[in-house]
C-alpha atoms as a PDB file:
ATOM      1  CA  MET A   1      98.375 110.953  67.328  1.00  0.00           C
ATOM      2  CA  SER A   2      99.208 107.860  69.484  1.00  0.00           C
ATOM      3  CA  GLN A   3     100.391 108.026  73.195  1.00  0.00           C
ATOM      4  CA  THR A   4     104.088 106.475  74.589  1.00  0.00           C
ATOM      5  CA  ALA A   5     103.123 104.600  77.839  1.00  0.00           C
ATOM      6  CA  GLN A   6     105.181 107.739  79.467  1.00  0.00           C
ATOM      7  CA  ASP A   7     102.654 110.066  78.247  1.00  0.00           C
ATOM      8  CA  LEU A   8      99.999 107.671  79.869  1.00  0.00           C
ATOM      9  CA  TYR A   9     101.715 107.605  83.091  1.00  0.00           C
ATOM     10  CA  HIS A  10     102.227 111.529  83.488  1.00  0.00           C
ATOM     11  CA  ARG A  11      98.877 112.111  82.452  1.00  0.00           C
ATOM     12  CA  GLY A  12      97.967 109.249  85.615  1.00  0.00           C
ATOM     13  CA  LEU A  13      99.730 111.390  87.421  1.00  0.00           C
ATOM     14  CA  GLN A  14      97.518 114.552  86.808  1.00  0.00           C
ATOM     15  CA  ALA A  15      94.694 112.663  87.654  1.00  0.00           C
ATOM     16  CA  CYS A  16      95.382 111.549  90.397  1.00  0.00           C
ATOM     17  CA  ASP A  17      96.930 115.084  91.698  1.00  0.00           C
ATOM     18  CA  ASN A  18      92.876 115.798  90.486  1.00  0.00           C
ATOM     19  CA  LYS A  19      91.832 113.015  92.850  1.00  0.00           C
ATOM     20  CA  ASN A  20      90.240 111.261  90.063  1.00  0.00           C
ATOM     21  CA  PHE A  21      91.284 107.849  91.306  1.00  0.00           C
ATOM     22  CA  GLN A  22      89.572 105.371  88.647  1.00  0.00           C
ATOM     23  CA  GLU A  23      90.938 107.953  85.758  1.00  0.00           C
ATOM     24  CA  GLY A  24      94.386 107.288  87.130  1.00  0.00           C
ATOM     25  CA  LEU A  25      94.014 103.876  87.446  1.00  0.00           C
ATOM     26  CA  ARG A  26      92.677 103.612  83.667  1.00  0.00           C
ATOM     27  CA  LEU A  27      95.686 105.371  82.666  1.00  0.00           C
ATOM     28  CA  PHE A  28      98.272 103.974  84.556  1.00  0.00           C
ATOM     29  CA  SER A  29      96.342 100.784  83.546  1.00  0.00           C
ATOM     30  CA  ALA A  30      97.053 101.962  79.751  1.00  0.00           C
ATOM     31  CA  ALA A  31     100.699 102.401  79.891  1.00  0.00           C
ATOM     32  CA  LEU A  32     101.599  99.522  81.222  1.00  0.00           C
ATOM     33  CA  SER A  33      99.277  98.225  77.878  1.00  0.00           C
ATOM     34  CA  LYS A  34     101.766  99.376  76.274  1.00  0.00           C
ATOM     35  CA  ASP A  35     104.644  99.336  78.393  1.00  0.00           C
ATOM     36  CA  PRO A  36     104.189  96.610  81.410  1.00  0.00           C
ATOM     37  CA  GLU A  37     107.634  96.802  82.489  1.00  0.00           C
ATOM     38  CA  HIS A  38     106.757 101.266  83.263  1.00  0.00           C
ATOM     39  CA  ARG A  39     108.299 100.427  86.583  1.00  0.00           C
ATOM     40  CA  GLU A  40     107.185 103.990  88.115  1.00  0.00           C
ATOM     41  CA  ALA A  41     103.002 103.403  86.406  1.00  0.00           C
ATOM     42  CA  ARG A  42     103.287  99.865  88.168  1.00  0.00           C
ATOM     43  CA  TYR A  43     103.916 101.163  91.689  1.00  0.00           C
ATOM     44  CA  ASN A  44     101.805 104.090  91.177  1.00  0.00           C
ATOM     45  CA  ARG A  45      98.908 101.643  90.101  1.00  0.00           C
ATOM     46  CA  ALA A  46      99.474  99.724  92.802  1.00  0.00           C
ATOM     47  CA  LYS A  47      99.307 103.029  95.168  1.00  0.00           C
ATOM     48  CA  VAL A  48      96.010 103.623  93.337  1.00  0.00           C
ATOM     49  CA  HIS A  49      94.562  99.820  94.490  1.00  0.00           C
ATOM     50  CA  TYR A  50      94.802 100.432  97.677  1.00  0.00           C
ATOM     51  CA  GLN A  51      93.289 104.140  98.172  1.00  0.00           C
ATOM     52  CA  LEU A  52      90.679 102.480  96.325  1.00  0.00           C
ATOM     53  CA  LYS A  53      90.689  99.180  98.595  1.00  0.00           C
ATOM     54  CA  SER A  54      91.410  97.070  96.005  1.00  0.00           C
ATOM     55  CA  LEU A  55      94.287  95.222  97.792  1.00  0.00           C
ATOM     56  CA  ASP A  56      94.416  92.117  95.721  1.00  0.00           C
ATOM     57  CA  GLU A  57      95.170  93.877  92.652  1.00  0.00           C
ATOM     58  CA  SER A  58      97.891  96.574  94.610  1.00  0.00           C
ATOM     59  CA  LEU A  59      99.486  93.367  96.496  1.00  0.00           C
ATOM     60  CA  ALA A  60      99.973  91.985  92.828  1.00  0.00           C
ATOM     61  CA  ASP A  61     101.407  95.078  91.169  1.00  0.00           C
ATOM     62  CA  PHE A  62     104.025  94.977  94.453  1.00  0.00           C
ATOM     63  CA  GLU A  63     104.791  91.594  93.870  1.00  0.00           C
ATOM     64  CA  TYR A  64     105.331  92.208  90.628  1.00  0.00           C
ATOM     65  CA  LEU A  65     107.610  94.979  91.114  1.00  0.00           C
ATOM     66  CA  ILE A  66     109.878  93.495  93.916  1.00  0.00           C
ATOM     67  CA  THR A  67     110.884  90.435  91.257  1.00  0.00           C
ATOM     68  CA  ARG A  68     112.046  92.853  89.250  1.00  0.00           C
ATOM     69  CA  GLU A  69     113.699  94.652  91.585  1.00  0.00           C
ATOM     70  CA  PRO A  70     114.037  92.656  95.021  1.00  0.00           C
ATOM     71  CA  GLY A  71     116.116  95.295  96.238  1.00  0.00           C
ATOM     72  CA  ASN A  72     113.840  98.144  96.650  1.00  0.00           C
ATOM     73  CA  ALA A  73     113.390  99.011 100.499  1.00  0.00           C
ATOM     74  CA  HIS A  74     110.565 101.437  99.906  1.00  0.00           C
ATOM     75  CA  TYR A  75     108.254  98.397  97.891  1.00  0.00           C
ATOM     76  CA  TYR A  76     108.503  96.157 101.057  1.00  0.00           C
ATOM     77  CA  GLY A  77     107.808  99.074 103.169  1.00  0.00           C
ATOM     78  CA  GLU A  78     104.512  99.904 101.034  1.00  0.00           C
ATOM     79  CA  ARG A  79     103.342  96.277 100.506  1.00  0.00           C
ATOM     80  CA  ALA A  80     103.725  96.116 104.406  1.00  0.00           C
ATOM     81  CA  ILE A  81     101.328  98.643 105.006  1.00  0.00           C
ATOM     82  CA  VAL A  82      98.805  96.644 101.992  1.00  0.00           C
ATOM     83  CA  ARG A  83      99.362  93.486 104.368  1.00  0.00           C
ATOM     84  CA  PHE A  84      99.018  95.285 107.131  1.00  0.00           C
ATOM     85  CA  LEU A  85      95.141  96.292 105.706  1.00  0.00           C
ATOM     86  CA  LYS A  86      94.549  92.992 105.012  1.00  0.00           C
ATOM     87  CA  LYS A  87      95.463  91.964 108.269  1.00  0.00           C
ATOM     88  CA  ASP A  88      98.591  89.636 106.898  1.00  0.00           C
ATOM     89  CA  ASN A  89     100.464  90.651 110.027  1.00  0.00           C
ATOM     90  CA  ASP A  90     103.113  87.730 109.845  1.00  0.00           C
ATOM     91  CA  GLY A  91     103.454  89.151 106.523  1.00  0.00           C
ATOM     92  CA  MET A  92     103.677  92.461 107.030  1.00  0.00           C
ATOM     93  CA  LEU A  93     106.622  92.135 109.892  1.00  0.00           C
ATOM     94  CA  SER A  94     108.604  90.066 106.538  1.00  0.00           C
ATOM     95  CA  ASP A  95     108.315  93.476 104.889  1.00  0.00           C
ATOM     96  CA  LEU A  96     109.102  95.285 107.536  1.00  0.00           C
ATOM     97  CA  ASP A  97     111.777  93.293 108.301  1.00  0.00           C
ATOM     98  CA  LYS A  98     113.684  92.696 104.801  1.00  0.00           C
ATOM     99  CA  ALA A  99     113.236  97.203 104.292  1.00  0.00           C
ATOM    100  CA  VAL A 100     115.486  97.578 107.689  1.00  0.00           C
ATOM    101  CA  GLU A 101     117.621  93.981 106.045  1.00  0.00           C
ATOM    102  CA  LEU A 102     117.898  96.510 102.734  1.00  0.00           C
ATOM    103  CA  GLN A 103     118.596  99.990 104.635  1.00  0.00           C
ATOM    104  CA  PRO A 104     119.603  99.142 108.077  1.00  0.00           C
ATOM    105  CA  GLU A 105     121.338 102.716 108.662  1.00  0.00           C
ATOM    106  CA  LYS A 106     118.134 104.381 108.394  1.00  0.00           C
ATOM    107  CA  PRO A 107     116.400 105.042 111.407  1.00  0.00           C
ATOM    108  CA  TYR A 108     113.364 105.570 109.799  1.00  0.00           C
ATOM    109  CA  ARG A 109     112.872 102.092 109.156  1.00  0.00           C
ATOM    110  CA  TYR A 110     113.228 101.186 112.716  1.00  0.00           C
ATOM    111  CA  ALA A 111     111.034 103.710 114.077  1.00  0.00           C
ATOM    112  CA  SER A 112     108.299 102.712 110.987  1.00  0.00           C
ATOM    113  CA  ARG A 113     108.512  98.761 112.243  1.00  0.00           C
ATOM    114  CA  ALA A 114     108.333  99.747 115.789  1.00  0.00           C
ATOM    115  CA  PHE A 115     104.765 101.923 115.329  1.00  0.00           C
ATOM    116  CA  LEU A 116     103.274  98.989 113.396  1.00  0.00           C
ATOM    117  CA  LYS A 117     104.471  95.610 115.793  1.00  0.00           C
ATOM    118  CA  ASP A 118     102.805  98.281 118.555  1.00  0.00           C
ATOM    119  CA  ARG A 119      99.820  98.469 116.488  1.00  0.00           C
ATOM    120  CA  ILE A 120      99.361  95.048 116.808  1.00  0.00           C
ATOM    121  CA  GLY A 121     100.168  94.372 120.006  1.00  0.00           C
ATOM    122  CA  ASP A 122     104.260  93.317 120.162  1.00  0.00           C
ATOM    123  CA  LEU A 123     105.212  95.913 122.396  1.00  0.00           C
ATOM    124  CA  GLU A 124     108.700  94.626 123.660  1.00  0.00           C
ATOM    125  CA  GLY A 125     109.561  94.257 119.993  1.00  0.00           C
ATOM    126  CA  ALA A 126     108.491  98.038 118.839  1.00  0.00           C
ATOM    127  CA  LEU A 127     110.321  99.205 122.803  1.00  0.00           C
ATOM    128  CA  ARG A 128     113.177  97.617 120.877  1.00  0.00           C
ATOM    129  CA  ASP A 129     112.594  99.437 117.440  1.00  0.00           C
ATOM    130  CA  TYR A 130     112.215 102.347 119.002  1.00  0.00           C
ATOM    131  CA  ASP A 131     115.541 102.200 121.403  1.00  0.00           C
ATOM    132  CA  LYS A 132     117.287 101.132 117.514  1.00  0.00           C
ATOM    133  CA  ALA A 133     115.940 104.137 116.123  1.00  0.00           C
ATOM    134  CA  ILE A 134     116.933 106.314 118.941  1.00  0.00           C
ATOM    135  CA  GLU A 135     120.408 105.207 119.280  1.00  0.00           C
ATOM    136  CA  LEU A 136     120.673 106.011 115.062  1.00  0.00           C
ATOM    137  CA  ASP A 137     119.426 109.293 115.629  1.00  0.00           C
ATOM    138  CA  PRO A 138     119.507 110.178 119.458  1.00  0.00           C
ATOM    139  CA  ASP A 139     117.861 113.579 118.600  1.00  0.00           C
ATOM    140  CA  ASP A 140     114.446 112.679 117.017  1.00  0.00           C
ATOM    141  CA  ALA A 141     111.751 113.777 119.133  1.00  0.00           C
ATOM    142  CA  ILE A 142     108.658 111.780 117.950  1.00  0.00           C
ATOM    143  CA  SER A 143     111.093 108.059 118.288  1.00  0.00           C
ATOM    144  CA  HIS A 144     111.559 109.675 122.201  1.00  0.00           C
ATOM    145  CA  ASN A 145     107.693 110.673 121.919  1.00  0.00           C
ATOM    146  CA  ASN A 146     106.415 107.388 120.995  1.00  0.00           C
ATOM    147  CA  LYS A 147     108.689 105.083 123.074  1.00  0.00           C
ATOM    148  CA  GLY A 148     106.863 106.773 126.009  1.00  0.00           C
ATOM    149  CA  LEU A 149     103.929 105.410 124.400  1.00  0.00           C
ATOM    150  CA  VAL A 150     104.736 102.180 124.555  1.00  0.00           C
ATOM    151  CA  GLU A 151     106.242 102.690 127.854  1.00  0.00           C
ATOM    152  CA  GLU A 152     103.506 103.960 129.115  1.00  0.00           C
ATOM    153  CA  LYS A 153     100.943 100.704 127.743  1.00  0.00           C
ATOM    154  CA  MET A 154     103.564  98.011 129.175  1.00  0.00           C
ATOM    155  CA  GLY A 155     103.116 100.075 132.688  1.00  0.00           C
ATOM    156  CA  ARG A 156     106.423 101.956 133.207  1.00  0.00           C
ATOM    157  CA  ILE A 157     105.060 104.992 133.934  1.00  0.00           C
ATOM    158  CA  ASP A 158     108.213 106.647 135.052  1.00  0.00           C
ATOM    159  CA  HIS A 159     110.420 105.618 132.125  1.00  0.00           C
ATOM    160  CA  SER A 160     106.950 106.525 129.833  1.00  0.00           C
ATOM    161  CA  LYS A 161     107.622 110.025 131.920  1.00  0.00           C
ATOM    162  CA  LYS A 162     111.677 110.257 131.184  1.00  0.00           C
ATOM    163  CA  SER A 163     110.675 109.486 126.867  1.00  0.00           C
ATOM    164  CA  PHE A 164     108.151 112.167 127.137  1.00  0.00           C
ATOM    165  CA  GLU A 165     110.736 114.907 128.709  1.00  0.00           C
ATOM    166  CA  ARG A 166     113.030 114.284 126.830  1.00  0.00           C
ATOM    167  CA  ALA A 167     110.636 114.364 123.423  1.00  0.00           C
ATOM    168  CA  ASP A 168     109.792 118.209 124.773  1.00  0.00           C
ATOM    169  CA  GLN A 169     113.313 119.473 125.380  1.00  0.00           C
ATOM    170  CA  LEU A 170     114.410 118.053 121.859  1.00  0.00           C
ATOM    171  CA  ASP A 171     111.622 119.785 120.485  1.00  0.00           C
ATOM    172  CA  PRO A 172     108.947 121.906 122.049  1.00  0.00           C
ATOM    173  CA  ASN A 173     106.756 122.908 119.277  1.00  0.00           C
ATOM    174  CA  TYR A 174     106.264 119.050 118.843  1.00  0.00           C
ATOM    175  CA  SER A 175     102.725 118.601 120.184  1.00  0.00           C
ATOM    176  CA  PRO A 176     101.726 114.615 118.872  1.00  0.00           C
ATOM    177  CA  LYS A 177      98.099 115.690 120.434  1.00  0.00           C
ATOM    178  CA  THR A 178      94.992 115.540 118.269  1.00  0.00           C
ATOM    179  CA  GLY A 179      91.415 115.240 118.720  1.00  0.00           C
ATOM    180  CA  ASN A 180      90.958 112.934 116.302  1.00  0.00           C
ATOM    181  CA  LYS A 181      91.293 108.942 116.235  1.00  0.00           C
ATOM    182  CA  PRO A 182      94.000 108.121 114.853  1.00  0.00           C
ATOM    183  CA  SER A 183      93.163 107.204 111.225  1.00  0.00           C
ATOM    184  CA  ILE A 184      94.543 103.625 109.081  1.00  0.00           C
ATOM    185  CA  PRO A 185      96.294 104.018 105.593  1.00  0.00           C
ATOM    186  CA  GLY A 186      94.349 103.971 102.884  1.00  0.00           C
ATOM    187  CA  ASN A 187      90.811 105.369 104.376  1.00  0.00           C
ATOM    188  CA  LYS A 188      91.756 109.110 103.247  1.00  0.00           C
ATOM    189  CA  ASN A 189      91.921 110.654  99.609  1.00  0.00           C
ATOM    190  CA  THR A 190      95.431 110.071  99.063  1.00  0.00           C
ATOM    191  CA  ALA A 191      97.250 110.924  95.589  1.00  0.00           C
ATOM    192  CA  VAL A 192      99.946 108.925  94.320  1.00  0.00           C
ATOM    193  CA  THR A 193     103.484 110.071  93.035  1.00  0.00           C
ATOM    194  CA  GLY A 194     106.548 108.183  91.108  1.00  0.00           C
ATOM    195  CA  LYS A 195     108.514 108.358  94.495  1.00  0.00           C
ATOM    196  CA  GLN A 196     108.930 105.859  96.978  1.00  0.00           C
ATOM    197  CA  PRO A 197     108.434 105.700 100.612  1.00  0.00           C
ATOM    198  CA  SER A 198     109.067 103.666 103.500  1.00  0.00           C
ATOM    199  CA  GLY A 199     106.252 101.766 105.125  1.00  0.00           C
ATOM    200  CA  ALA A 200     104.527 103.255 108.710  1.00  0.00           C
ATOM    201  CA  ALA A 201     101.436 102.808 109.472  1.00  0.00           C
ATOM    202  CA  GLU A 202      98.464 104.202 113.020  1.00  0.00           C
ATOM    203  CA  SER A 203      99.520 104.503 116.121  1.00  0.00           C
ATOM    204  CA  GLN A 204      96.567 104.404 118.939  1.00  0.00           C
ATOM    205  CA  THR A 205      97.315 105.052 122.923  1.00  0.00           C
ATOM    206  CA  GLU A 206      94.452 105.189 126.092  1.00  0.00           C
ATOM    207  CA  ASN A 207      95.904 108.543 127.635  1.00  0.00           C
ATOM    208  CA  PRO A 208      93.734 111.831 125.261  1.00  0.00           C
ATOM    209  CA  GLU A 209      97.136 113.860 125.657  1.00  0.00           C
ATOM    210  CA  ARG A 210      99.007 111.382 123.951  1.00  0.00           C
ATOM    211  CA  LYS A 211      97.215 110.246 121.038  1.00  0.00           C
ATOM    212  CA  ILE A 212      99.434 110.755 117.120  1.00  0.00           C
ATOM    213  CA  SER A 213      97.532 110.306 114.341  1.00  0.00           C
ATOM    214  CA  MET A 214      99.115 107.797 110.718  1.00  0.00           C
ATOM    215  CA  ALA A 215      99.064 112.137 109.123  1.00  0.00           C
ATOM    216  CA  ASP A 216     100.904 113.337 112.187  1.00  0.00           C
ATOM    217  CA  TYR A 217     103.363 110.724 112.477  1.00  0.00           C
ATOM    218  CA  LEU A 218     104.601 110.630 108.374  1.00  0.00           C
ATOM    219  CA  SER A 219     105.118 114.003 108.269  1.00  0.00           C
ATOM    220  CA  GLN A 220     107.008 114.427 111.517  1.00  0.00           C
ATOM    221  CA  LEU A 221     108.980 111.027 110.793  1.00  0.00           C
ATOM    222  CA  GLY A 222     110.043 113.034 107.467  1.00  0.00           C
ATOM    223  CA  ARG A 223     111.783 114.699 109.618  1.00  0.00           C
ATOM    224  CA  LEU A 224     114.297 111.522 110.176  1.00  0.00           C
ATOM    225  CA  VAL A 225     115.546 111.725 107.271  1.00  0.00           C
ATOM    226  CA  ARG A 226     119.048 113.398 107.247  1.00  0.00           C
ATOM    227  CA  SER A 227     120.156 113.690 103.520  1.00  0.00           C
ATOM    228  CA  PRO A 228     118.762 116.238 100.875  1.00  0.00           C
ATOM    229  CA  GLU A 229     117.994 113.288  98.265  1.00  0.00           C
ATOM    230  CA  GLU A 230     116.216 111.310 100.865  1.00  0.00           C
ATOM    231  CA  ARG A 231     114.746 114.541 102.017  1.00  0.00           C
ATOM    232  CA  ALA A 232     112.960 115.067  98.851  1.00  0.00           C
ATOM    233  CA  GLU A 233     111.984 111.976  98.055  1.00  0.00           C
ATOM    234  CA  PHE A 234     110.133 111.544 101.364  1.00  0.00           C
ATOM    235  CA  ALA A 235     108.415 115.001 101.115  1.00  0.00           C
ATOM    236  CA  ASP A 236     107.628 114.186  97.449  1.00  0.00           C
ATOM    237  CA  TYR A 237     105.893 110.617  99.300  1.00  0.00           C
ATOM    238  CA  LEU A 238     104.020 113.371 102.181  1.00  0.00           C
ATOM    239  CA  LYS A 239     102.687 116.074  99.711  1.00  0.00           C
ATOM    240  CA  GLY A 240     101.285 112.836  97.408  1.00  0.00           C
ATOM    241  CA  LEU A 241      99.526 110.936 100.806  1.00  0.00           C
ATOM    242  CA  PHE A 242      98.019 113.997 102.807  1.00  0.00           C
ATOM    243  CA  LYS A 243      97.195 116.442  99.783  1.00  0.00           C
END
C-alpha cells in the first residue's frame, strides 16, 4: 500500500522521537519526494540536518521555506541558529533583525537576539536588546539576570548588582547557576517538532556563580510567552529540543 507524504512525515516524527535521526531524515525526504510543498516535513528535515551537523543542507531547507513564507519569523529565528553555527555572524544578525521586525511585540525576540549579540561580543547591542525585552515585559527575571551578566562583563558592577537583585526579587526560585560549560545549540541529542520556535543561542560569563546554559536559558525563556497558544507552541519546541 502506497504511503502518503503525510504518513511518511508522521513516521519521520516518530523516528526522531526515538532519536533515530537518520531514519527521520530519510522519511522526511521521502515525504518531500511525494509533496515538495509539505512545509512541516521540510521544516523538520532542516532541523534534523542541523542536528546531524549537515549545516549547508539545513540552510538550504530554511531558505526554501523562507521563499515560500517570507513573513514567518520562526524560520528566520531557526536559520539564525544555523548561521551562528556556520560562524556567519552577519547573516545571523540579519535573520534575528528580521524576526524582530516581524514580531516587534514579542519580548523573547529581543532577548534571543541579545543572547547571541552577547555571544559574539556586541555587549552594547545586547544591553539595548535586554532593555527592550524588559520594557515589554518588566517582570521577567531571566532578562534582568542576563542583562546583569552583560553589565558585569562591561565592568558596570553596580548596575549588574541591581539587575541581579531585581531578578532575585522577581523570582527567588530562579537560579541560572550551573557547573556545566554552556553548550552550543546542535551539540545535544535533539528531537524535532512540527512547531516553530524562536532562535537563541548560548551565553557565557567568567563569573562561575552566574553561568547559564543554552538549555537553562531556553527553558526559562519560554515563560516570556504570554498567550496560551504561544505557550503551547513554545512548549512543544522545548520538549523536542531537550528531550
